[in-house]
N, C-alpha and C. Protein backbone atom coordinates (compact mmCIF):
# COMPACT_ATOMS: atom_id res chain seq x y z
N MET A 1 17.55 -11.37 11.66
CA MET A 1 17.32 -9.97 11.35
C MET A 1 16.11 -9.80 10.42
N PHE A 2 15.96 -10.75 9.48
CA PHE A 2 14.81 -10.67 8.58
C PHE A 2 13.50 -10.88 9.34
N LEU A 3 13.53 -11.74 10.34
CA LEU A 3 12.33 -11.95 11.14
C LEU A 3 11.93 -10.67 11.87
N ALA A 4 12.90 -9.95 12.41
CA ALA A 4 12.61 -8.69 13.08
C ALA A 4 12.06 -7.66 12.10
N ALA A 5 12.60 -7.64 10.89
CA ALA A 5 12.09 -6.71 9.87
C ALA A 5 10.66 -7.05 9.48
N VAL A 6 10.37 -8.33 9.30
CA VAL A 6 9.02 -8.75 8.94
C VAL A 6 8.04 -8.42 10.05
N ILE A 7 8.42 -8.65 11.29
CA ILE A 7 7.54 -8.33 12.42
C ILE A 7 7.29 -6.83 12.50
N ALA A 8 8.33 -6.03 12.30
CA ALA A 8 8.16 -4.57 12.34
C ALA A 8 7.24 -4.10 11.21
N ILE A 9 7.39 -4.67 10.04
CA ILE A 9 6.52 -4.29 8.92
C ILE A 9 5.08 -4.70 9.20
N LEU A 10 4.88 -5.88 9.77
CA LEU A 10 3.52 -6.33 10.10
C LEU A 10 2.87 -5.44 11.16
N VAL A 11 3.64 -5.00 12.13
CA VAL A 11 3.10 -4.10 13.17
C VAL A 11 2.68 -2.78 12.54
N THR A 12 3.50 -2.24 11.67
CA THR A 12 3.12 -0.97 11.03
C THR A 12 1.94 -1.15 10.08
N MET A 13 1.80 -2.34 9.49
CA MET A 13 0.63 -2.60 8.65
C MET A 13 -0.65 -2.64 9.48
N VAL A 14 -0.58 -3.22 10.67
CA VAL A 14 -1.74 -3.25 11.55
C VAL A 14 -2.10 -1.83 11.99
N LEU A 15 -1.09 -1.02 12.31
CA LEU A 15 -1.35 0.37 12.69
C LEU A 15 -1.96 1.16 11.53
N ALA A 16 -1.50 0.87 10.31
CA ALA A 16 -2.08 1.54 9.14
C ALA A 16 -3.53 1.13 8.93
N LEU A 17 -3.85 -0.14 9.17
CA LEU A 17 -5.25 -0.58 9.06
C LEU A 17 -6.13 0.08 10.11
N ILE A 18 -5.61 0.20 11.32
CA ILE A 18 -6.37 0.88 12.36
C ILE A 18 -6.65 2.32 11.96
N ARG A 19 -5.64 2.97 11.43
CA ARG A 19 -5.82 4.36 10.98
C ARG A 19 -6.78 4.44 9.80
N ALA A 20 -6.75 3.45 8.93
CA ALA A 20 -7.64 3.47 7.77
C ALA A 20 -9.10 3.31 8.18
N PHE A 21 -9.36 2.53 9.21
CA PHE A 21 -10.74 2.34 9.64
C PHE A 21 -11.23 3.44 10.57
N SER A 22 -10.32 4.13 11.25
CA SER A 22 -10.76 5.15 12.20
C SER A 22 -10.32 6.56 11.81
N GLY A 23 -9.92 6.76 10.57
CA GLY A 23 -9.46 8.07 10.15
C GLY A 23 -10.58 9.09 10.19
N PRO A 24 -10.27 10.31 10.60
CA PRO A 24 -11.35 11.31 10.69
C PRO A 24 -11.87 11.78 9.33
N SER A 25 -11.05 11.70 8.31
CA SER A 25 -11.51 12.16 6.99
C SER A 25 -11.19 11.10 5.94
N VAL A 26 -11.76 11.31 4.78
CA VAL A 26 -11.53 10.39 3.66
C VAL A 26 -10.07 10.42 3.24
N TYR A 27 -9.46 11.59 3.28
CA TYR A 27 -8.07 11.71 2.85
C TYR A 27 -7.13 11.00 3.81
N ASP A 28 -7.43 11.05 5.12
CA ASP A 28 -6.62 10.31 6.08
C ASP A 28 -6.75 8.81 5.86
N ARG A 29 -7.95 8.36 5.54
CA ARG A 29 -8.15 6.94 5.28
C ARG A 29 -7.42 6.50 4.02
N MET A 30 -7.44 7.33 3.00
CA MET A 30 -6.76 6.99 1.76
C MET A 30 -5.25 6.99 1.95
N LEU A 31 -4.75 7.92 2.74
CA LEU A 31 -3.33 7.94 3.04
C LEU A 31 -2.91 6.69 3.80
N ALA A 32 -3.74 6.25 4.73
CA ALA A 32 -3.44 5.02 5.48
C ALA A 32 -3.50 3.80 4.56
N ALA A 33 -4.44 3.78 3.63
CA ALA A 33 -4.51 2.67 2.68
C ALA A 33 -3.28 2.66 1.78
N ASN A 34 -2.82 3.83 1.38
CA ASN A 34 -1.61 3.91 0.57
C ASN A 34 -0.40 3.45 1.38
N MET A 35 -0.35 3.82 2.65
CA MET A 35 0.74 3.37 3.50
C MET A 35 0.71 1.85 3.67
N PHE A 36 -0.49 1.28 3.78
CA PHE A 36 -0.62 -0.18 3.87
C PHE A 36 -0.08 -0.83 2.61
N GLY A 37 -0.38 -0.26 1.45
CA GLY A 37 0.14 -0.79 0.19
C GLY A 37 1.65 -0.70 0.11
N THR A 38 2.20 0.39 0.61
CA THR A 38 3.66 0.54 0.61
C THR A 38 4.31 -0.48 1.52
N LYS A 39 3.71 -0.69 2.67
CA LYS A 39 4.25 -1.70 3.59
C LYS A 39 4.12 -3.11 3.01
N THR A 40 3.09 -3.33 2.21
CA THR A 40 2.95 -4.62 1.55
C THR A 40 4.09 -4.83 0.55
N VAL A 41 4.45 -3.78 -0.16
CA VAL A 41 5.58 -3.86 -1.09
C VAL A 41 6.85 -4.21 -0.32
N LEU A 42 7.07 -3.57 0.81
CA LEU A 42 8.24 -3.88 1.63
C LEU A 42 8.21 -5.32 2.12
N LEU A 43 7.04 -5.78 2.53
CA LEU A 43 6.93 -7.14 3.03
C LEU A 43 7.21 -8.16 1.92
N ILE A 44 6.72 -7.91 0.73
CA ILE A 44 6.98 -8.81 -0.40
C ILE A 44 8.48 -8.82 -0.72
N ALA A 45 9.10 -7.65 -0.74
CA ALA A 45 10.53 -7.57 -1.08
C ALA A 45 11.39 -8.25 -0.01
N VAL A 46 11.13 -7.98 1.25
CA VAL A 46 11.93 -8.58 2.33
C VAL A 46 11.69 -10.09 2.38
N GLY A 47 10.43 -10.51 2.26
CA GLY A 47 10.14 -11.93 2.28
C GLY A 47 10.76 -12.67 1.12
N GLY A 48 10.70 -12.07 -0.06
CA GLY A 48 11.33 -12.70 -1.22
C GLY A 48 12.82 -12.80 -1.10
N TYR A 49 13.45 -11.77 -0.55
CA TYR A 49 14.90 -11.80 -0.37
C TYR A 49 15.28 -12.83 0.69
N ALA A 50 14.48 -12.90 1.76
CA ALA A 50 14.79 -13.85 2.83
C ALA A 50 14.64 -15.30 2.36
N MET A 51 13.71 -15.55 1.45
CA MET A 51 13.51 -16.90 0.94
C MET A 51 14.43 -17.23 -0.23
N GLY A 52 15.16 -16.24 -0.70
CA GLY A 52 16.10 -16.50 -1.78
C GLY A 52 15.47 -16.47 -3.16
N TRP A 53 14.33 -15.82 -3.28
CA TRP A 53 13.65 -15.72 -4.57
C TRP A 53 13.73 -14.27 -5.06
N PRO A 54 14.74 -13.94 -5.85
CA PRO A 54 14.90 -12.55 -6.29
C PRO A 54 13.79 -12.08 -7.23
N SER A 55 13.01 -12.99 -7.77
CA SER A 55 11.92 -12.58 -8.66
C SER A 55 10.81 -11.87 -7.90
N PHE A 56 10.78 -11.99 -6.58
CA PHE A 56 9.77 -11.29 -5.79
C PHE A 56 9.97 -9.77 -5.83
N VAL A 57 11.17 -9.33 -6.16
CA VAL A 57 11.40 -7.89 -6.30
C VAL A 57 10.59 -7.36 -7.48
N ASP A 58 10.50 -8.12 -8.55
CA ASP A 58 9.69 -7.73 -9.69
C ASP A 58 8.21 -7.65 -9.31
N VAL A 59 7.76 -8.61 -8.53
CA VAL A 59 6.37 -8.61 -8.07
C VAL A 59 6.12 -7.41 -7.18
N ALA A 60 7.07 -7.09 -6.31
CA ALA A 60 6.93 -5.94 -5.42
C ALA A 60 6.88 -4.64 -6.23
N LEU A 61 7.69 -4.52 -7.25
CA LEU A 61 7.66 -3.31 -8.08
C LEU A 61 6.34 -3.18 -8.85
N LEU A 62 5.84 -4.29 -9.34
CA LEU A 62 4.55 -4.27 -10.02
C LEU A 62 3.44 -3.87 -9.06
N TYR A 63 3.46 -4.41 -7.85
CA TYR A 63 2.45 -4.04 -6.86
C TYR A 63 2.58 -2.57 -6.48
N ALA A 64 3.79 -2.04 -6.43
CA ALA A 64 3.98 -0.63 -6.12
C ALA A 64 3.37 0.25 -7.20
N MET A 65 3.53 -0.14 -8.46
CA MET A 65 2.94 0.65 -9.55
C MET A 65 1.42 0.60 -9.50
N VAL A 66 0.87 -0.57 -9.22
CA VAL A 66 -0.59 -0.70 -9.11
C VAL A 66 -1.10 0.13 -7.93
N ASN A 67 -0.39 0.10 -6.83
CA ASN A 67 -0.76 0.87 -5.65
C ASN A 67 -0.76 2.37 -5.95
N PHE A 68 0.24 2.83 -6.66
CA PHE A 68 0.34 4.25 -6.99
C PHE A 68 -0.80 4.68 -7.92
N VAL A 69 -1.05 3.91 -8.97
CA VAL A 69 -2.10 4.27 -9.92
C VAL A 69 -3.47 4.23 -9.25
N SER A 70 -3.72 3.23 -8.42
CA SER A 70 -5.02 3.15 -7.76
C SER A 70 -5.20 4.27 -6.76
N THR A 71 -4.15 4.69 -6.10
CA THR A 71 -4.26 5.83 -5.17
C THR A 71 -4.61 7.10 -5.93
N ILE A 72 -3.97 7.33 -7.05
CA ILE A 72 -4.29 8.51 -7.86
C ILE A 72 -5.73 8.45 -8.36
N ALA A 73 -6.17 7.28 -8.80
CA ALA A 73 -7.53 7.14 -9.31
C ALA A 73 -8.57 7.39 -8.22
N VAL A 74 -8.36 6.84 -7.05
CA VAL A 74 -9.33 7.02 -5.96
C VAL A 74 -9.33 8.47 -5.48
N MET A 75 -8.18 9.07 -5.38
CA MET A 75 -8.14 10.48 -4.95
C MET A 75 -8.79 11.39 -5.99
N ARG A 76 -8.63 11.07 -7.24
CA ARG A 76 -9.29 11.86 -8.28
C ARG A 76 -10.82 11.70 -8.20
N PHE A 77 -11.27 10.48 -7.90
CA PHE A 77 -12.69 10.25 -7.73
C PHE A 77 -13.24 11.06 -6.56
N PHE A 78 -12.51 11.08 -5.44
CA PHE A 78 -12.96 11.85 -4.29
C PHE A 78 -12.93 13.35 -4.55
N GLU A 79 -12.01 13.80 -5.40
CA GLU A 79 -11.93 15.23 -5.70
C GLU A 79 -13.09 15.69 -6.57
N TYR A 80 -13.45 14.90 -7.58
CA TYR A 80 -14.49 15.32 -8.51
C TYR A 80 -15.85 14.69 -8.24
N GLY A 81 -15.88 13.60 -7.52
CA GLY A 81 -17.15 12.98 -7.17
C GLY A 81 -17.67 11.98 -8.18
N VAL A 82 -17.40 12.19 -9.45
CA VAL A 82 -17.83 11.27 -10.50
C VAL A 82 -16.69 11.12 -11.48
N SER A 83 -16.79 10.10 -12.31
CA SER A 83 -15.76 9.94 -13.33
C SER A 83 -15.94 11.00 -14.41
N GLU A 84 -14.87 11.30 -15.11
CA GLU A 84 -14.90 12.36 -16.12
C GLU A 84 -15.12 11.78 -17.51
N ASP A 85 -16.17 11.04 -17.70
CA ASP A 85 -16.51 10.48 -19.00
C ASP A 85 -17.32 11.52 -19.76
N ARG A 86 -16.69 12.19 -20.69
CA ARG A 86 -17.35 13.30 -21.40
C ARG A 86 -17.66 12.93 -22.84
N SER A 87 -18.10 11.73 -23.08
CA SER A 87 -18.40 11.34 -24.45
C SER A 87 -19.83 11.60 -24.82
């Protein structure tokens, strides 16, 4: 069952990469990149559980936080065009 889950996650990751490279707009590409990051979190969690290493859940949660913060940062950059360094 874990093998089927890993294969399904890998297929959706490939589809997300295709969408990221062929997206019609920047926002579609960023959404696909975020989806790829989310699927990576799932892959790390399922793989870690299947191998019997529960510490991979911590790694998956850390990667999820990094993915979320980087998505917000990139979307903010696309919204304003430049960084907001007002010093």
